[in-house]
């Protein structure tokens, strides 16, 4: 079974998570205690800052497009292709 490809939105989210993980890593300092505390042994809670959530929402909004813009682009493409095809037909008939 083939792997599912990741969308651009998923890639951006993963990149933000990696950056957040790099920023949240705190360098380990040498302590005088011989045994680590329970806090050091337990897994850290996953806490995302509010700024990361805001940027994710901004990225999502930039990936979605307005249907009016898509329609306008399709109309431009259709007109341009009709012009090119009609030009080819005119040249074909003129040079025949």
PDB file of N, CA and C in Angstrom:
ATOM      1  N   UNK A   1       0.839  -1.171   0.000  1.00  0.00           N
ATOM      2  CA  UNK A   1       0.000   0.000   0.000  1.00  0.00           C
ATOM      3  C   UNK A   1       0.897   1.252   0.000  1.00  0.00           C
ATOM      4  N   UNK A   2       0.577   2.200  -0.844  1.00  0.00           N
ATOM      5  CA  UNK A   2       1.401   3.391  -0.986  1.00  0.00           C
ATOM      6  C   UNK A   2       1.220   4.321   0.205  1.00  0.00           C
ATOM      7  N   UNK A   3       2.284   5.078   0.495  1.00  0.00           N
ATOM      8  CA  UNK A   3       2.208   6.043   1.586  1.00  0.00           C
ATOM      9  C   UNK A   3       1.365   7.233   1.156  1.00  0.00           C
ATOM     10  N   UNK A   4       0.677   7.806   2.120  1.00  0.00           N
ATOM     11  CA  UNK A   4      -0.111   9.001   1.851  1.00  0.00           C
ATOM     12  C   UNK A   4       0.833  10.199   1.823  1.00  0.00           C
ATOM     13  N   UNK A   5       0.734  10.990   0.778  1.00  0.00           N
ATOM     14  CA  UNK A   5       1.586  12.171   0.669  1.00  0.00           C
ATOM     15  C   UNK A   5       1.113  13.256   1.625  1.00  0.00           C
ATOM     16  N   UNK A   6       2.066  14.024   2.110  1.00  0.00           N
ATOM     17  CA  UNK A   6       1.739  15.096   3.041  1.00  0.00           C
ATOM     18  C   UNK A   6       1.387  16.353   2.256  1.00  0.00           C
ATOM     19  N   UNK A   7       0.375  17.040   2.700  1.00  0.00           N
ATOM     20  CA  UNK A   7      -0.018  18.279   2.058  1.00  0.00           C
ATOM     21  C   UNK A   7       0.892  19.408   2.530  1.00  0.00           C
ATOM     22  N   UNK A   8       0.825  20.515   1.843  1.00  0.00           N
ATOM     23  CA  UNK A   8       1.647  21.666   2.209  1.00  0.00           C
ATOM     24  C   UNK A   8       1.306  22.140   3.619  1.00  0.00           C
ATOM     25  N   UNK A   9       0.020  22.098   3.939  1.00  0.00           N
ATOM     26  CA  UNK A   9      -0.419  22.529   5.268  1.00  0.00           C
ATOM     27  C   UNK A   9       0.177  21.624   6.346  1.00  0.00           C
ATOM     28  N   UNK A  10       0.182  20.317   6.123  1.00  0.00           N
ATOM     29  CA  UNK A  10       0.758  19.393   7.099  1.00  0.00           C
ATOM     30  C   UNK A  10       2.259  19.622   7.243  1.00  0.00           C
ATOM     31  N   UNK A  11       2.931  19.902   6.126  1.00  0.00           N
ATOM     32  CA  UNK A  11       4.368  20.164   6.182  1.00  0.00           C
ATOM     33  C   UNK A  11       4.664  21.412   7.006  1.00  0.00           C
ATOM     34  N   UNK A  12       3.854  22.446   6.829  1.00  0.00           N
ATOM     35  CA  UNK A  12       4.063  23.683   7.584  1.00  0.00           C
ATOM     36  C   UNK A  12       3.834  23.440   9.067  1.00  0.00           C
ATOM     37  N   UNK A  13       2.797  22.669   9.395  1.00  0.00           N
ATOM     38  CA  UNK A  13       2.513  22.371  10.801  1.00  0.00           C
ATOM     39  C   UNK A  13       3.661  21.592  11.419  1.00  0.00           C
ATOM     40  N   UNK A  14       4.188  20.601  10.684  1.00  0.00           N
ATOM     41  CA  UNK A  14       5.313  19.824  11.204  1.00  0.00           C
ATOM     42  C   UNK A  14       6.557  20.693  11.391  1.00  0.00           C
ATOM     43  N   UNK A  15       6.775  21.613  10.452  1.00  0.00           N
ATOM     44  CA  UNK A  15       7.931  22.502  10.567  1.00  0.00           C
ATOM     45  C   UNK A  15       7.796  23.386  11.811  1.00  0.00           C
ATOM     46  N   UNK A  16       6.597  23.894  12.067  1.00  0.00           N
ATOM     47  CA  UNK A  16       6.387  24.722  13.251  1.00  0.00           C
ATOM     48  C   UNK A  16       6.582  23.915  14.528  1.00  0.00           C
ATOM     49  N   UNK A  17       6.144  22.655  14.516  1.00  0.00           N
ATOM     50  CA  UNK A  17       6.337  21.804  15.692  1.00  0.00           C
ATOM     51  C   UNK A  17       7.822  21.568  15.950  1.00  0.00           C
ATOM     52  N   UNK A  18       8.591  21.347  14.876  1.00  0.00           N
ATOM     53  CA  UNK A  18      10.038  21.135  15.037  1.00  0.00           C
ATOM     54  C   UNK A  18      10.712  22.376  15.609  1.00  0.00           C
ATOM     55  N   UNK A  19      10.330  23.554  15.077  1.00  0.00           N
ATOM     56  CA  UNK A  19      10.915  24.797  15.584  1.00  0.00           C
ATOM     57  C   UNK A  19      10.563  24.997  17.054  1.00  0.00           C
ATOM     58  N   UNK A  20       9.336  24.673  17.410  1.00  0.00           N
ATOM     59  CA  UNK A  20       8.902  24.805  18.794  1.00  0.00           C
ATOM     60  C   UNK A  20       9.673  23.850  19.691  1.00  0.00           C
ATOM     61  N   UNK A  21       9.925  22.643  19.208  1.00  0.00           N
ATOM     62  CA  UNK A  21      10.676  21.666  19.996  1.00  0.00           C
ATOM     63  C   UNK A  21      12.115  22.140  20.206  1.00  0.00           C
ATOM     64  N   UNK A  22      12.704  22.746  19.179  1.00  0.00           N
ATOM     65  CA  UNK A  22      14.075  23.253  19.314  1.00  0.00           C
ATOM     66  C   UNK A  22      14.135  24.393  20.334  1.00  0.00           C
ATOM     67  N   UNK A  23      13.125  25.260  20.303  1.00  0.00           N
ATOM     68  CA  UNK A  23      13.113  26.393  21.227  1.00  0.00           C
ATOM     69  C   UNK A  23      12.841  25.954  22.660  1.00  0.00           C
ATOM     70  N   UNK A  24      12.022  24.921  22.814  1.00  0.00           N
ATOM     71  CA  UNK A  24      11.638  24.508  24.163  1.00  0.00           C
ATOM     72  C   UNK A  24      12.695  23.658  24.850  1.00  0.00           C
ATOM     73  N   UNK A  25      13.694  23.176  24.109  1.00  0.00           N
ATOM     74  CA  UNK A  25      14.751  22.385  24.738  1.00  0.00           C
ATOM     75  C   UNK A  25      15.601  23.296  25.617  1.00  0.00           C
ATOM     76  N   UNK A  26      15.732  22.904  26.877  1.00  0.00           N
ATOM     77  CA  UNK A  26      16.510  23.684  27.836  1.00  0.00           C
ATOM     78  C   UNK A  26      17.806  22.931  28.088  1.00  0.00           C
ATOM     79  N   UNK A  27      18.952  23.615  28.026  1.00  0.00           N
ATOM     80  CA  UNK A  27      20.208  22.914  28.282  1.00  0.00           C
ATOM     81  C   UNK A  27      20.246  22.361  29.704  1.00  0.00           C
ATOM     82  N   UNK A  28      20.741  21.151  29.830  1.00  0.00           N
ATOM     83  CA  UNK A  28      20.798  20.477  31.125  1.00  0.00           C
ATOM     84  C   UNK A  28      21.985  21.024  31.905  1.00  0.00           C
ATOM     85  N   UNK A  29      21.707  21.473  33.130  1.00  0.00           N
ATOM     86  CA  UNK A  29      22.782  21.986  33.970  1.00  0.00           C
ATOM     87  C   UNK A  29      23.189  20.908  34.971  1.00  0.00           C
ATOM     88  N   UNK A  30      24.428  20.942  35.370  1.00  0.00           N
ATOM     89  CA  UNK A  30      24.938  19.966  36.332  1.00  0.00           C
ATOM     90  C   UNK A  30      24.459  20.377  37.716  1.00  0.00           C
ATOM     91  N   UNK A  31      23.756  19.470  38.380  1.00  0.00           N
ATOM     92  CA  UNK A  31      23.243  19.776  39.712  1.00  0.00           C
ATOM     93  C   UNK A  31      24.040  19.003  40.757  1.00  0.00           C
ATOM     94  N   UNK A  32      23.929  19.440  42.004  1.00  0.00           N
ATOM     95  CA  UNK A  32      24.662  18.795  43.089  1.00  0.00           C
ATOM     96  C   UNK A  32      23.920  17.587  43.628  1.00  0.00           C
ATOM     97  N   UNK A  33      22.644  17.439  43.292  1.00  0.00           N
ATOM     98  CA  UNK A  33      21.872  16.304  43.775  1.00  0.00           C
ATOM     99  C   UNK A  33      22.305  15.038  43.040  1.00  0.00           C
ATOM    100  N   UNK A  34      22.293  13.929  43.764  1.00  0.00           N
ATOM    101  CA  UNK A  34      22.685  12.669  43.146  1.00  0.00           C
ATOM    102  C   UNK A  34      21.510  12.004  42.436  1.00  0.00           C
ATOM    103  N   UNK A  35      20.301  12.156  42.971  1.00  0.00           N
ATOM    104  CA  UNK A  35      19.130  11.549  42.353  1.00  0.00           C
ATOM    105  C   UNK A  35      18.293  12.640  41.680  1.00  0.00           C
ATOM    106  N   UNK A  36      17.828  12.383  40.469  1.00  0.00           N
ATOM    107  CA  UNK A  36      16.971  13.373  39.817  1.00  0.00           C
ATOM    108  C   UNK A  36      15.589  13.386  40.455  1.00  0.00           C
ATOM    109  N   UNK A  37      14.967  14.516  40.410  1.00  0.00           N
ATOM    110  CA  UNK A  37      13.636  14.646  40.998  1.00  0.00           C
ATOM    111  C   UNK A  37      12.605  13.973  40.098  1.00  0.00           C
ATOM    112  N   UNK A  38      11.409  13.834  40.605  1.00  0.00           N
ATOM    113  CA  UNK A  38      10.338  13.189  39.839  1.00  0.00           C
ATOM    114  C   UNK A  38       9.994  14.015  38.595  1.00  0.00           C
ATOM    115  N   UNK A  39      10.133  15.316  38.686  1.00  0.00           N
ATOM    116  CA  UNK A  39       9.835  16.178  37.548  1.00  0.00           C
ATOM    117  C   UNK A  39      10.788  15.909  36.394  1.00  0.00           C
ATOM    118  N   UNK A  40      12.047  15.621  36.709  1.00  0.00           N
ATOM    119  CA  UNK A  40      13.021  15.357  35.660  1.00  0.00           C
ATOM    120  C   UNK A  40      12.780  14.003  35.016  1.00  0.00           C
ATOM    121  N   UNK A  41      12.224  13.062  35.750  1.00  0.00           N
ATOM    122  CA  UNK A  41      11.981  11.729  35.217  1.00  0.00           C
ATOM    123  C   UNK A  41      10.720  11.694  34.368  1.00  0.00           C
ATOM    124  N   UNK A  42       9.675  12.377  34.806  1.00  0.00           N
ATOM    125  CA  UNK A  42       8.407  12.323  34.082  1.00  0.00           C
ATOM    126  C   UNK A  42       8.514  13.079  32.761  1.00  0.00           C
ATOM    127  N   UNK A  43       7.636  12.706  31.845  1.00  0.00           N
ATOM    128  CA  UNK A  43       7.627  13.344  30.529  1.00  0.00           C
ATOM    129  C   UNK A  43       7.106  14.767  30.657  1.00  0.00           C
ATOM    130  N   UNK A  44       7.702  15.699  29.927  1.00  0.00           N
ATOM    131  CA  UNK A  44       7.205  17.072  29.993  1.00  0.00           C
ATOM    132  C   UNK A  44       5.843  17.170  29.307  1.00  0.00           C
ATOM    133  N   UNK A  45       4.999  18.022  29.845  1.00  0.00           N
ATOM    134  CA  UNK A  45       3.685  18.222  29.251  1.00  0.00           C
ATOM    135  C   UNK A  45       3.830  19.011  27.961  1.00  0.00           C
ATOM    136  N   UNK A  46       2.985  18.680  27.026  1.00  0.00           N
ATOM    137  CA  UNK A  46       3.026  19.364  25.740  1.00  0.00           C
ATOM    138  C   UNK A  46       2.255  20.677  25.861  1.00  0.00           C
ATOM    139  N   UNK A  47       2.991  21.764  25.857  1.00  0.00           N
ATOM    140  CA  UNK A  47       2.386  23.080  25.985  1.00  0.00           C
ATOM    141  C   UNK A  47       2.818  23.897  24.777  1.00  0.00           C
ATOM    142  N   UNK A  48       1.839  24.369  24.035  1.00  0.00           N
ATOM    143  CA  UNK A  48       2.140  25.196  22.876  1.00  0.00           C
ATOM    144  C   UNK A  48       1.833  26.649  23.220  1.00  0.00           C
ATOM    145  N   UNK A  49       2.749  27.538  22.918  1.00  0.00           N
ATOM    146  CA  UNK A  49       2.472  28.946  23.180  1.00  0.00           C
ATOM    147  C   UNK A  49       1.369  29.466  22.260  1.00  0.00           C
ATOM    148  N   UNK A  50       0.728  30.528  22.692  1.00  0.00           N
ATOM    149  CA  UNK A  50      -0.366  31.094  21.910  1.00  0.00           C
ATOM    150  C   UNK A  50       0.120  31.622  20.565  1.00  0.00           C
ATOM    151  N   UNK A  51       1.356  32.068  20.502  1.00  0.00           N
ATOM    152  CA  UNK A  51       1.885  32.602  19.257  1.00  0.00           C
ATOM    153  C   UNK A  51       1.952  31.529  18.183  1.00  0.00           C
ATOM    154  N   UNK A  52       2.320  30.319  18.544  1.00  0.00           N
ATOM    155  CA  UNK A  52       2.401  29.245  17.559  1.00  0.00           C
ATOM    156  C   UNK A  52       1.022  28.934  16.997  1.00  0.00           C
ATOM    157  N   UNK A  53       0.012  28.968  17.823  1.00  0.00           N
ATOM    158  CA  UNK A  53      -1.345  28.702  17.355  1.00  0.00           C
ATOM    159  C   UNK A  53      -1.804  29.783  16.388  1.00  0.00           C
ATOM    160  N   UNK A  54      -1.456  31.014  16.667  1.00  0.00           N
ATOM    161  CA  UNK A  54      -1.854  32.115  15.797  1.00  0.00           C
ATOM    162  C   UNK A  54      -1.190  31.971  14.432  1.00  0.00           C
ATOM    163  N   UNK A  55       0.085  31.620  14.404  1.00  0.00           N
ATOM    164  CA  UNK A  55       0.760  31.480  13.124  1.00  0.00           C
ATOM    165  C   UNK A  55       0.195  30.312  12.338  1.00  0.00           C
ATOM    166  N   UNK A  56      -0.233  29.256  13.023  1.00  0.00           N
ATOM    167  CA  UNK A  56      -0.832  28.137  12.301  1.00  0.00           C
ATOM    168  C   UNK A  56      -2.118  28.584  11.625  1.00  0.00           C
ATOM    169  N   UNK A  57      -2.921  29.369  12.314  1.00  0.00           N
ATOM    170  CA  UNK A  57      -4.157  29.851  11.717  1.00  0.00           C
ATOM    171  C   UNK A  57      -3.856  30.750  10.526  1.00  0.00           C
ATOM    172  N   UNK A  58      -2.817  31.555  10.624  1.00  0.00           N
ATOM    173  CA  UNK A  58      -2.446  32.426   9.521  1.00  0.00           C
ATOM    174  C   UNK A  58      -1.980  31.606   8.330  1.00  0.00           C
ATOM    175  N   UNK A  59      -1.226  30.529   8.575  1.00  0.00           N
ATOM    176  CA  UNK A  59      -0.766  29.686   7.484  1.00  0.00           C
ATOM    177  C   UNK A  59      -1.929  28.984   6.801  1.00  0.00           C
ATOM    178  N   UNK A  60      -2.888  28.558   7.576  1.00  0.00           N
ATOM    179  CA  UNK A  60      -4.045  27.879   7.000  1.00  0.00           C
ATOM    180  C   UNK A  60      -4.828  28.837   6.110  1.00  0.00           C
ATOM    181  N   UNK A  61      -4.978  30.076   6.536  1.00  0.00           N
ATOM    182  CA  UNK A  61      -5.741  31.025   5.739  1.00  0.00           C
ATOM    183  C   UNK A  61      -5.011  31.384   4.451  1.00  0.00           C
ATOM    184  N   UNK A  62      -3.697  31.345   4.417  1.00  0.00           N
ATOM    185  CA  UNK A  62      -2.976  31.650   3.192  1.00  0.00           C
ATOM    186  C   UNK A  62      -3.032  30.500   2.206  1.00  0.00           C
ATOM    187  N   UNK A  63      -3.308  29.294   2.689  1.00  0.00           N
ATOM    188  CA  UNK A  63      -3.377  28.153   1.791  1.00  0.00           C
ATOM    189  C   UNK A  63      -4.741  28.019   1.130  1.00  0.00           C
ATOM    190  N   UNK A  64      -5.767  28.599   1.688  1.00  0.00           N
ATOM    191  CA  UNK A  64      -7.083  28.523   1.073  1.00  0.00           C
ATOM    192  C   UNK A  64      -7.244  29.712   0.129  1.00  0.00           C
ATOM    193  N   UNK A  65      -7.840  29.454  -1.013  1.00  0.00           N
ATOM    194  CA  UNK A  65      -7.964  30.483  -2.034  1.00  0.00           C
ATOM    195  C   UNK A  65      -9.417  30.907  -2.188  1.00  0.00           C
ATOM    196  N   UNK A  66      -9.598  32.136  -2.617  1.00  0.00           N
ATOM    197  CA  UNK A  66     -10.924  32.673  -2.854  1.00  0.00           C
ATOM    198  C   UNK A  66     -11.454  32.099  -4.168  1.00  0.00           C
ATOM    199  N   UNK A  67     -12.669  31.577  -4.203  1.00  0.00           N
ATOM    200  CA  UNK A  67     -13.214  31.010  -5.443  1.00  0.00           C
ATOM    201  C   UNK A  67     -13.307  32.026  -6.578  1.00  0.00           C
ATOM    202  N   UNK A  68     -13.482  33.291  -6.246  1.00  0.00           N
ATOM    203  CA  UNK A  68     -13.542  34.315  -7.293  1.00  0.00           C
ATOM    204  C   UNK A  68     -12.216  34.409  -8.041  1.00  0.00           C
ATOM    205  N   UNK A  69     -11.120  34.298  -7.308  1.00  0.00           N
ATOM    206  CA  UNK A  69      -9.811  34.362  -7.952  1.00  0.00           C
ATOM    207  C   UNK A  69      -9.582  33.160  -8.857  1.00  0.00           C
ATOM    208  N   UNK A  70     -10.007  31.994  -8.419  1.00  0.00           N
ATOM    209  CA  UNK A  70      -9.849  30.788  -9.231  1.00  0.00           C
ATOM    210  C   UNK A  70     -10.679  30.910 -10.504  1.00  0.00           C
ATOM    211  N   UNK A  71     -11.904  31.401 -10.367  1.00  0.00           N
ATOM    212  CA  UNK A  71     -12.765  31.558 -11.542  1.00  0.00           C
ATOM    213  C   UNK A  71     -12.156  32.554 -12.530  1.00  0.00           C
ATOM    214  N   UNK A  72     -11.619  33.656 -12.003  1.00  0.00           N
ATOM    215  CA  UNK A  72     -11.018  34.661 -12.880  1.00  0.00           C
ATOM    216  C   UNK A  72      -9.809  34.084 -13.616  1.00  0.00           C
ATOM    217  N   UNK A  73      -8.998  33.294 -12.928  1.00  0.00           N
ATOM    218  CA  UNK A  73      -7.845  32.663 -13.568  1.00  0.00           C
ATOM    219  C   UNK A  73      -8.276  31.670 -14.641  1.00  0.00           C
ATOM    220  N   UNK A  74      -9.325  30.914 -14.377  1.00  0.00           N
ATOM    221  CA  UNK A  74      -9.817  29.962 -15.375  1.00  0.00           C
ATOM    222  C   UNK A  74     -10.352  30.677 -16.614  1.00  0.00           C
ATOM    223  N   UNK A  75     -11.033  31.790 -16.414  1.00  0.00           N
ATOM    224  CA  UNK A  75     -11.550  32.556 -17.552  1.00  0.00           C
ATOM    225  C   UNK A  75     -10.397  33.120 -18.377  1.00  0.00           C
ATOM    226  N   UNK A  76      -9.376  33.639 -17.713  1.00  0.00           N
ATOM    227  CA  UNK A  76      -8.210  34.155 -18.432  1.00  0.00           C
ATOM    228  C   UNK A  76      -7.531  33.051 -19.234  1.00  0.00           C
ATOM    229  N   UNK A  77      -7.404  31.881 -18.637  1.00  0.00           N
ATOM    230  CA  UNK A  77      -6.776  30.754 -19.319  1.00  0.00           C
ATOM    231  C   UNK A  77      -7.601  30.331 -20.527  1.00  0.00           C
ATOM    232  N   UNK A  78      -8.901  30.284 -20.387  1.00  0.00           N
ATOM    233  CA  UNK A  78      -9.782  29.904 -21.483  1.00  0.00           C
ATOM    234  C   UNK A  78      -9.678  30.899 -22.634  1.00  0.00           C
ATOM    235  N   UNK A  79      -9.708  32.179 -22.330  1.00  0.00           N
ATOM    236  CA  UNK A  79      -9.609  33.209 -23.366  1.00  0.00           C
ATOM    237  C   UNK A  79      -8.265  33.125 -24.075  1.00  0.00           C
ATOM    238  N   UNK A  80      -7.203  32.977 -23.319  1.00  0.00           N
ATOM    239  CA  UNK A  80      -5.874  32.894 -23.919  1.00  0.00           C
ATOM    240  C   UNK A  80      -5.743  31.666 -24.811  1.00  0.00           C
ATOM    241  N   UNK A  81      -6.256  30.542 -24.375  1.00  0.00           N
ATOM    242  CA  UNK A  81      -6.161  29.327 -25.190  1.00  0.00           C
ATOM    243  C   UNK A  81      -7.004  29.450 -26.456  1.00  0.00           C
ATOM    244  N   UNK A  82      -8.174  30.090 -26.372  1.00  0.00           N
ATOM    245  CA  UNK A  82      -8.990  30.305 -27.569  1.00  0.00           C
ATOM    246  C   UNK A  82      -8.285  31.222 -28.565  1.00  0.00           C
ATOM    247  N   UNK A  83      -7.611  32.240 -28.074  1.00  0.00           N
ATOM    248  CA  UNK A  83      -6.867  33.145 -28.950  1.00  0.00           C
ATOM    249  C   UNK A  83      -5.745  32.391 -29.656  1.00  0.00           C
ATOM    250  N   UNK A  84      -5.026  31.564 -28.938  1.00  0.00           N
ATOM    251  CA  UNK A  84      -3.912  30.819 -29.525  1.00  0.00           C
ATOM    252  C   UNK A  84      -4.423  29.822 -30.564  1.00  0.00           C
ATOM    253  N   UNK A  85      -5.494  29.109 -30.257  1.00  0.00           N
ATOM    254  CA  UNK A  85      -6.040  28.127 -31.204  1.00  0.00           C
ATOM    255  C   UNK A  85      -6.572  28.820 -32.454  1.00  0.00           C
ATOM    256  N   UNK A  86      -7.254  29.946 -32.294  1.00  0.00           N
ATOM    257  CA  UNK A  86      -7.762  30.665 -33.469  1.00  0.00           C
ATOM    258  C   UNK A  86      -6.614  31.210 -34.306  1.00  0.00           C
ATOM    259  N   UNK A  87      -5.549  31.643 -33.675  1.00  0.00           N
ATOM    260  CA  UNK A  87      -4.377  32.119 -34.410  1.00  0.00           C
ATOM    261  C   UNK A  87      -3.746  30.984 -35.209  1.00  0.00           C
ATOM    262  N   UNK A  88      -3.657  29.809 -34.622  1.00  0.00           N
ATOM    263  CA  UNK A  88      -3.117  28.653 -35.333  1.00  0.00           C
ATOM    264  C   UNK A  88      -3.987  28.289 -36.533  1.00  0.00           C
ATOM    265  N   UNK A  89      -5.301  28.325 -36.364  1.00  0.00           N
ATOM    266  CA  UNK A  89      -6.201  28.020 -37.481  1.00  0.00           C
ATOM    267  C   UNK A  89      -6.064  29.041 -38.604  1.00  0.00           C
ATOM    268  N   UNK A  90      -5.949  30.313 -38.234  1.00  0.00           N
ATOM    269  CA  UNK A  90      -5.785  31.352 -39.254  1.00  0.00           C
ATOM    270  C   UNK A  90      -4.480  31.159 -40.016  1.00  0.00           C
ATOM    271  N   UNK A  91      -3.403  30.842 -39.329  1.00  0.00           N
ATOM    272  CA  UNK A  91      -2.123  30.603 -40.001  1.00  0.00           C
ATOM    273  C   UNK A  91      -2.186  29.363 -40.882  1.00  0.00           C
ATOM    274  N   UNK A  92      -2.861  28.335 -40.416  1.00  0.00           N
ATOM    275  CA  UNK A  92      -2.986  27.102 -41.198  1.00  0.00           C
ATOM    276  C   UNK A  92      -3.741  27.367 -42.497  1.00  0.00           C
ATOM    277  N   UNK A  93      -4.854  28.102 -42.406  1.00  0.00           N
ATOM    278  CA  UNK A  93      -5.647  28.391 -43.597  1.00  0.00           C
ATOM    279  C   UNK A  93      -4.931  29.374 -44.521  1.00  0.00           C
ATOM    280  N   UNK A  94      -4.177  30.310 -43.970  1.00  0.00           N
ATOM    281  CA  UNK A  94      -3.475  31.299 -44.789  1.00  0.00           C
ATOM    282  C   UNK A  94      -2.292  30.676 -45.523  1.00  0.00           C
ATOM    283  N   UNK A  95      -1.630  29.712 -44.914  1.00  0.00           N
ATOM    284  CA  UNK A  95      -0.431  29.125 -45.521  1.00  0.00           C
ATOM    285  C   UNK A  95      -0.727  27.852 -46.313  1.00  0.00           C
ATOM    286  N   UNK A  96      -1.963  27.445 -46.394  1.00  0.00           N
ATOM    287  CA  UNK A  96      -2.304  26.214 -47.097  1.00  0.00           C
ATOM    288  C   UNK A  96      -2.285  26.375 -48.560  1.00  0.00           C
TER     289      UNK A  96
END
